[in-house]
Amino acid sequence: MGERVTKRQTTVKKATILVAFLILYMLISHWLTGTACFFRSTIGVPCPGCGLTRAYFALLSLDFKAAFAYHPLFWYIPIVVIVSLVFYFKYDTLEVKGLIKFYQASALLFVLVFIIRLIILFPFKEPLSLNEAAVFARVVRQVINLFKNTAQ
């Protein structure tokens, strides 16, 4: 019993450190590029999760239509969290074959919905718009300007 508690405490500490790091990254990223999304802040293109934060803010306002418009799978994340917690506390691990298949199916679902959303929305409709302030976009513009200035 003592070993199980220690293992769980270690896992909670690691998760807390990871969450703290992610929050710090998101704050810095938002300050520098206007978005907390790793993909949009570095590359400039949306990711399969783009719109989830706005969907949850819309949900807090009980605006279900807007939440669904921002990300049609906003309702699925709590299901993944609940299933993960149930498996973790029941089996003391997240590496159960059925759970791994569930994660794979969930990832596939997000990618499929992302592709459909890209076809319909990208690059002109939020949340799947291009981020001109992204690091990659800035570097590309600087390189292009460098070559333009060198050619003159």
C-alpha atoms as a PDB file:
ATOM      1  CA  MET A   1       0.000   0.000   0.000  1.00  0.00           C
ATOM      2  CA  GLY A   2       2.798   2.433   0.915  1.00  0.00           C
ATOM      3  CA  GLU A   3       4.594   1.842  -2.379  1.00  0.00           C
ATOM      4  CA  ARG A   4       1.367   2.509  -4.314  1.00  0.00           C
ATOM      5  CA  VAL A   5       0.841   5.830  -2.490  1.00  0.00           C
ATOM      6  CA  THR A   6       4.451   6.856  -3.140  1.00  0.00           C
ATOM      7  CA  LYS A   7       4.132   5.989  -6.834  1.00  0.00           C
ATOM      8  CA  ARG A   8       0.903   7.977  -7.088  1.00  0.00           C
ATOM      9  CA  GLN A   9       2.480  10.950  -5.257  1.00  0.00           C
ATOM     10  CA  THR A  10       5.415  10.873  -7.682  1.00  0.00           C
ATOM     11  CA  THR A  11       3.020  10.801 -10.619  1.00  0.00           C
ATOM     12  CA  VAL A  12       1.045  13.731  -9.209  1.00  0.00           C
ATOM     13  CA  LYS A  13       4.264  15.730  -8.671  1.00  0.00           C
ATOM     14  CA  LYS A  14       5.390  15.076 -12.253  1.00  0.00           C
ATOM     15  CA  ALA A  15       1.958  16.015 -13.599  1.00  0.00           C
ATOM     16  CA  THR A  16       1.958  19.222 -11.525  1.00  0.00           C
ATOM     17  CA  ILE A  17       5.383  20.221 -12.858  1.00  0.00           C
ATOM     18  CA  LEU A  18       4.269  19.473 -16.419  1.00  0.00           C
ATOM     19  CA  VAL A  19       1.067  21.505 -16.045  1.00  0.00           C
ATOM     20  CA  ALA A  20       2.989  24.414 -14.483  1.00  0.00           C
ATOM     21  CA  PHE A  21       5.497  24.354 -17.366  1.00  0.00           C
ATOM     22  CA  LEU A  22       2.692  24.249 -19.947  1.00  0.00           C
ATOM     23  CA  ILE A  23       0.889  27.174 -18.329  1.00  0.00           C
ATOM     24  CA  LEU A  24       4.120  29.201 -18.244  1.00  0.00           C
ATOM     25  CA  TYR A  25       4.802  28.350 -21.894  1.00  0.00           C
ATOM     26  CA  MET A  26       1.255  29.310 -22.880  1.00  0.00           C
ATOM     27  CA  LEU A  27       1.493  32.659 -21.090  1.00  0.00           C
ATOM     28  CA  ILE A  28       4.828  33.533 -22.698  1.00  0.00           C
ATOM     29  CA  SER A  29       3.647  32.315 -26.088  1.00  0.00           C
ATOM     30  CA  HIS A  30       0.452  34.345 -25.868  1.00  0.00           C
ATOM     31  CA  TRP A  31       2.405  37.435 -24.868  1.00  0.00           C
ATOM     32  CA  LEU A  32       4.837  37.065 -27.809  1.00  0.00           C
ATOM     33  CA  THR A  33       2.565  35.846 -30.616  1.00  0.00           C
ATOM     34  CA  GLY A  34      -1.019  36.473 -29.560  1.00  0.00           C
ATOM     35  CA  THR A  35      -1.866  32.777 -29.139  1.00  0.00           C
ATOM     36  CA  ALA A  36      -1.121  30.091 -26.564  1.00  0.00           C
ATOM     37  CA  CYS A  37      -1.248  27.270 -29.121  1.00  0.00           C
ATOM     38  CA  PHE A  38       2.188  25.765 -29.828  1.00  0.00           C
ATOM     39  CA  PHE A  39       1.456  25.171 -33.520  1.00  0.00           C
ATOM     40  CA  ARG A  40      -0.051  28.587 -34.170  1.00  0.00           C
ATOM     41  CA  SER A  41       2.640  30.441 -32.212  1.00  0.00           C
ATOM     42  CA  THR A  42       5.579  28.705 -33.900  1.00  0.00           C
ATOM     43  CA  ILE A  43       4.419  27.621 -37.351  1.00  0.00           C
ATOM     44  CA  GLY A  44       1.392  29.850 -37.802  1.00  0.00           C
ATOM     45  CA  VAL A  45      -1.084  27.139 -38.758  1.00  0.00           C
ATOM     46  CA  PRO A  46      -3.798  25.708 -36.530  1.00  0.00           C
ATOM     47  CA  CYS A  47      -3.611  22.359 -34.761  1.00  0.00           C
ATOM     48  CA  PRO A  48      -6.302  19.684 -34.246  1.00  0.00           C
ATOM     49  CA  GLY A  49      -7.146  21.282 -30.896  1.00  0.00           C
ATOM     50  CA  CYS A  50      -7.465  24.844 -32.171  1.00  0.00           C
ATOM     51  CA  GLY A  51     -10.632  26.408 -30.861  1.00  0.00           C
ATOM     52  CA  LEU A  52     -10.979  24.251 -27.740  1.00  0.00           C
ATOM     53  CA  THR A  53     -10.166  27.068 -25.313  1.00  0.00           C
ATOM     54  CA  ARG A  54     -12.659  29.398 -26.979  1.00  0.00           C
ATOM     55  CA  ALA A  55     -15.205  26.573 -27.060  1.00  0.00           C
ATOM     56  CA  TYR A  56     -14.916  26.145 -23.292  1.00  0.00           C
ATOM     57  CA  PHE A  57     -15.239  29.893 -22.708  1.00  0.00           C
ATOM     58  CA  ALA A  58     -18.381  29.862 -24.864  1.00  0.00           C
ATOM     59  CA  LEU A  59     -19.621  26.871 -22.873  1.00  0.00           C
ATOM     60  CA  LEU A  60     -19.104  28.800 -19.633  1.00  0.00           C
ATOM     61  CA  SER A  61     -21.455  31.408 -21.081  1.00  0.00           C
ATOM     62  CA  LEU A  62     -23.881  28.591 -21.972  1.00  0.00           C
ATOM     63  CA  ASP A  63     -23.460  29.424 -25.662  1.00  0.00           C
ATOM     64  CA  PHE A  64     -23.514  25.860 -26.977  1.00  0.00           C
ATOM     65  CA  LYS A  65     -23.802  26.933 -30.618  1.00  0.00           C
ATOM     66  CA  ALA A  66     -20.626  29.023 -30.397  1.00  0.00           C
ATOM     67  CA  ALA A  67     -18.830  26.270 -28.454  1.00  0.00           C
ATOM     68  CA  PHE A  68     -19.646  23.753 -31.163  1.00  0.00           C
ATOM     69  CA  ALA A  69     -18.572  26.232 -33.867  1.00  0.00           C
ATOM     70  CA  TYR A  70     -15.209  26.839 -32.191  1.00  0.00           C
ATOM     71  CA  HIS A  71     -14.521  23.106 -31.880  1.00  0.00           C
ATOM     72  CA  PRO A  72     -17.075  20.359 -32.530  1.00  0.00           C
ATOM     73  CA  LEU A  73     -15.302  17.933 -30.164  1.00  0.00           C
ATOM     74  CA  PHE A  74     -15.221  20.195 -27.091  1.00  0.00           C
ATOM     75  CA  TRP A  75     -17.550  17.751 -25.308  1.00  0.00           C
ATOM     76  CA  TYR A  76     -15.184  14.826 -25.899  1.00  0.00           C
ATOM     77  CA  ILE A  77     -12.231  16.038 -23.785  1.00  0.00           C
ATOM     78  CA  PRO A  78     -14.032  15.579 -20.433  1.00  0.00           C
ATOM     79  CA  ILE A  79     -14.891  12.021 -21.505  1.00  0.00           C
ATOM     80  CA  VAL A  80     -11.210  11.292 -22.200  1.00  0.00           C
ATOM     81  CA  VAL A  81     -10.235  12.748 -18.813  1.00  0.00           C
ATOM     82  CA  ILE A  82     -12.880  10.744 -16.943  1.00  0.00           C
ATOM     83  CA  VAL A  83     -11.999   7.485 -18.725  1.00  0.00           C
ATOM     84  CA  SER A  84      -8.296   8.109 -18.025  1.00  0.00           C
ATOM     85  CA  LEU A  85      -8.916   8.762 -14.325  1.00  0.00           C
ATOM     86  CA  VAL A  86     -11.088   5.660 -13.988  1.00  0.00           C
ATOM     87  CA  PHE A  87      -8.415   3.491 -15.607  1.00  0.00           C
ATOM     88  CA  TYR A  88      -5.642   5.108 -13.579  1.00  0.00           C
ATOM     89  CA  PHE A  89      -7.344   4.562 -10.238  1.00  0.00           C
ATOM     90  CA  LYS A  90      -8.643   1.102 -11.148  1.00  0.00           C
ATOM     91  CA  TYR A  91      -5.453  -0.326 -12.691  1.00  0.00           C
ATOM     92  CA  ASP A  92      -2.864   2.113 -11.226  1.00  0.00           C
ATOM     93  CA  THR A  93      -1.547   2.678 -14.760  1.00  0.00           C
ATOM     94  CA  LEU A  94      -2.515   4.306 -18.018  1.00  0.00           C
ATOM     95  CA  GLU A  95      -0.890   1.566 -20.092  1.00  0.00           C
ATOM     96  CA  VAL A  96      -3.869  -0.787 -20.340  1.00  0.00           C
ATOM     97  CA  LYS A  97      -4.432  -2.198 -23.827  1.00  0.00           C
ATOM     98  CA  GLY A  98      -8.062  -1.063 -24.022  1.00  0.00           C
ATOM     99  CA  LEU A  99      -7.164   2.446 -22.890  1.00  0.00           C
ATOM    100  CA  ILE A 100      -4.373   2.740 -25.441  1.00  0.00           C
ATOM    101  CA  LYS A 101      -6.841   1.738 -28.193  1.00  0.00           C
ATOM    102  CA  PHE A 102      -9.257   4.365 -26.829  1.00  0.00           C
ATOM    103  CA  TYR A 103      -6.514   7.029 -27.048  1.00  0.00           C
ATOM    104  CA  GLN A 104      -5.641   5.958 -30.591  1.00  0.00           C
ATOM    105  CA  ALA A 105      -9.284   6.130 -31.666  1.00  0.00           C
ATOM    106  CA  SER A 106      -9.617   9.536 -29.976  1.00  0.00           C
ATOM    107  CA  ALA A 107      -6.536  10.868 -31.765  1.00  0.00           C
ATOM    108  CA  LEU A 108      -7.843   9.563 -35.088  1.00  0.00           C
ATOM    109  CA  LEU A 109     -11.213  11.225 -34.440  1.00  0.00           C
ATOM    110  CA  PHE A 110      -9.508  14.568 -33.732  1.00  0.00           C
ATOM    111  CA  VAL A 111      -7.359  14.309 -36.875  1.00  0.00           C
ATOM    112  CA  LEU A 112     -10.367  13.464 -39.066  1.00  0.00           C
ATOM    113  CA  VAL A 113     -12.399  16.353 -37.660  1.00  0.00           C
ATOM    114  CA  PHE A 114      -9.347  18.602 -38.079  1.00  0.00           C
ATOM    115  CA  ILE A 115      -8.993  17.689 -41.767  1.00  0.00           C
ATOM    116  CA  ILE A 116     -12.680  18.356 -42.372  1.00  0.00           C
ATOM    117  CA  ARG A 117     -12.430  21.691 -40.563  1.00  0.00           C
ATOM    118  CA  LEU A 118      -9.328  22.646 -42.575  1.00  0.00           C
ATOM    119  CA  ILE A 119     -11.118  21.938 -45.838  1.00  0.00           C
ATOM    120  CA  ILE A 120     -14.125  24.002 -44.782  1.00  0.00           C
ATOM    121  CA  LEU A 121     -12.578  26.851 -42.756  1.00  0.00           C
ATOM    122  CA  PHE A 122      -8.830  27.340 -43.387  1.00  0.00           C
ATOM    123  CA  PRO A 123      -7.308  29.948 -43.692  1.00  0.00           C
ATOM    124  CA  PHE A 124     -10.002  32.591 -43.455  1.00  0.00           C
ATOM    125  CA  LYS A 125     -12.362  31.619 -40.631  1.00  0.00           C
ATOM    126  CA  GLU A 126     -11.538  31.560 -36.939  1.00  0.00           C
ATOM    127  CA  PRO A 127     -10.341  29.521 -35.164  1.00  0.00           C
ATOM    128  CA  LEU A 128      -8.583  28.005 -38.178  1.00  0.00           C
ATOM    129  CA  SER A 129      -6.930  31.141 -39.493  1.00  0.00           C
ATOM    130  CA  LEU A 130      -3.301  31.770 -40.300  1.00  0.00           C
ATOM    131  CA  ASN A 131      -1.237  33.468 -37.553  1.00  0.00           C
ATOM    132  CA  GLU A 132       0.942  36.093 -39.216  1.00  0.00           C
ATOM    133  CA  ALA A 133       2.694  36.797 -35.883  1.00  0.00           C
ATOM    134  CA  ALA A 134       4.029  33.232 -35.601  1.00  0.00           C
ATOM    135  CA  VAL A 135       7.760  32.702 -35.193  1.00  0.00           C
ATOM    136  CA  PHE A 136       8.115  30.767 -38.471  1.00  0.00           C
ATOM    137  CA  ALA A 137       6.180  33.428 -40.401  1.00  0.00           C
ATOM    138  CA  ARG A 138       8.408  36.153 -38.930  1.00  0.00           C
ATOM    139  CA  VAL A 139      11.586  34.254 -39.854  1.00  0.00           C
ATOM    140  CA  VAL A 140      10.354  33.657 -43.420  1.00  0.00           C
ATOM    141  CA  ARG A 141       9.513  37.366 -43.810  1.00  0.00           C
ATOM    142  CA  GLN A 142      12.968  38.350 -42.505  1.00  0.00           C
ATOM    143  CA  VAL A 143      14.728  35.965 -44.894  1.00  0.00           C
ATOM    144  CA  ILE A 144      12.667  37.255 -47.841  1.00  0.00           C
ATOM    145  CA  ASN A 145      13.429  40.858 -46.885  1.00  0.00           C
ATOM    146  CA  LEU A 146      17.113  40.001 -46.522  1.00  0.00           C
ATOM    147  CA  PHE A 147      17.222  38.584 -50.043  1.00  0.00           C
ATOM    148  CA  LYS A 148      15.231  41.531 -51.427  1.00  0.00           C
ATOM    149  CA  ASN A 149      17.645  44.012 -49.829  1.00  0.00           C
ATOM    150  CA  THR A 150      20.676  42.038 -50.991  1.00  0.00           C
ATOM    151  CA  ALA A 151      19.380  41.901 -54.578  1.00  0.00           C
ATOM    152  CA  GLN A 152      18.973  45.699 -54.763  1.00  0.00           C
END
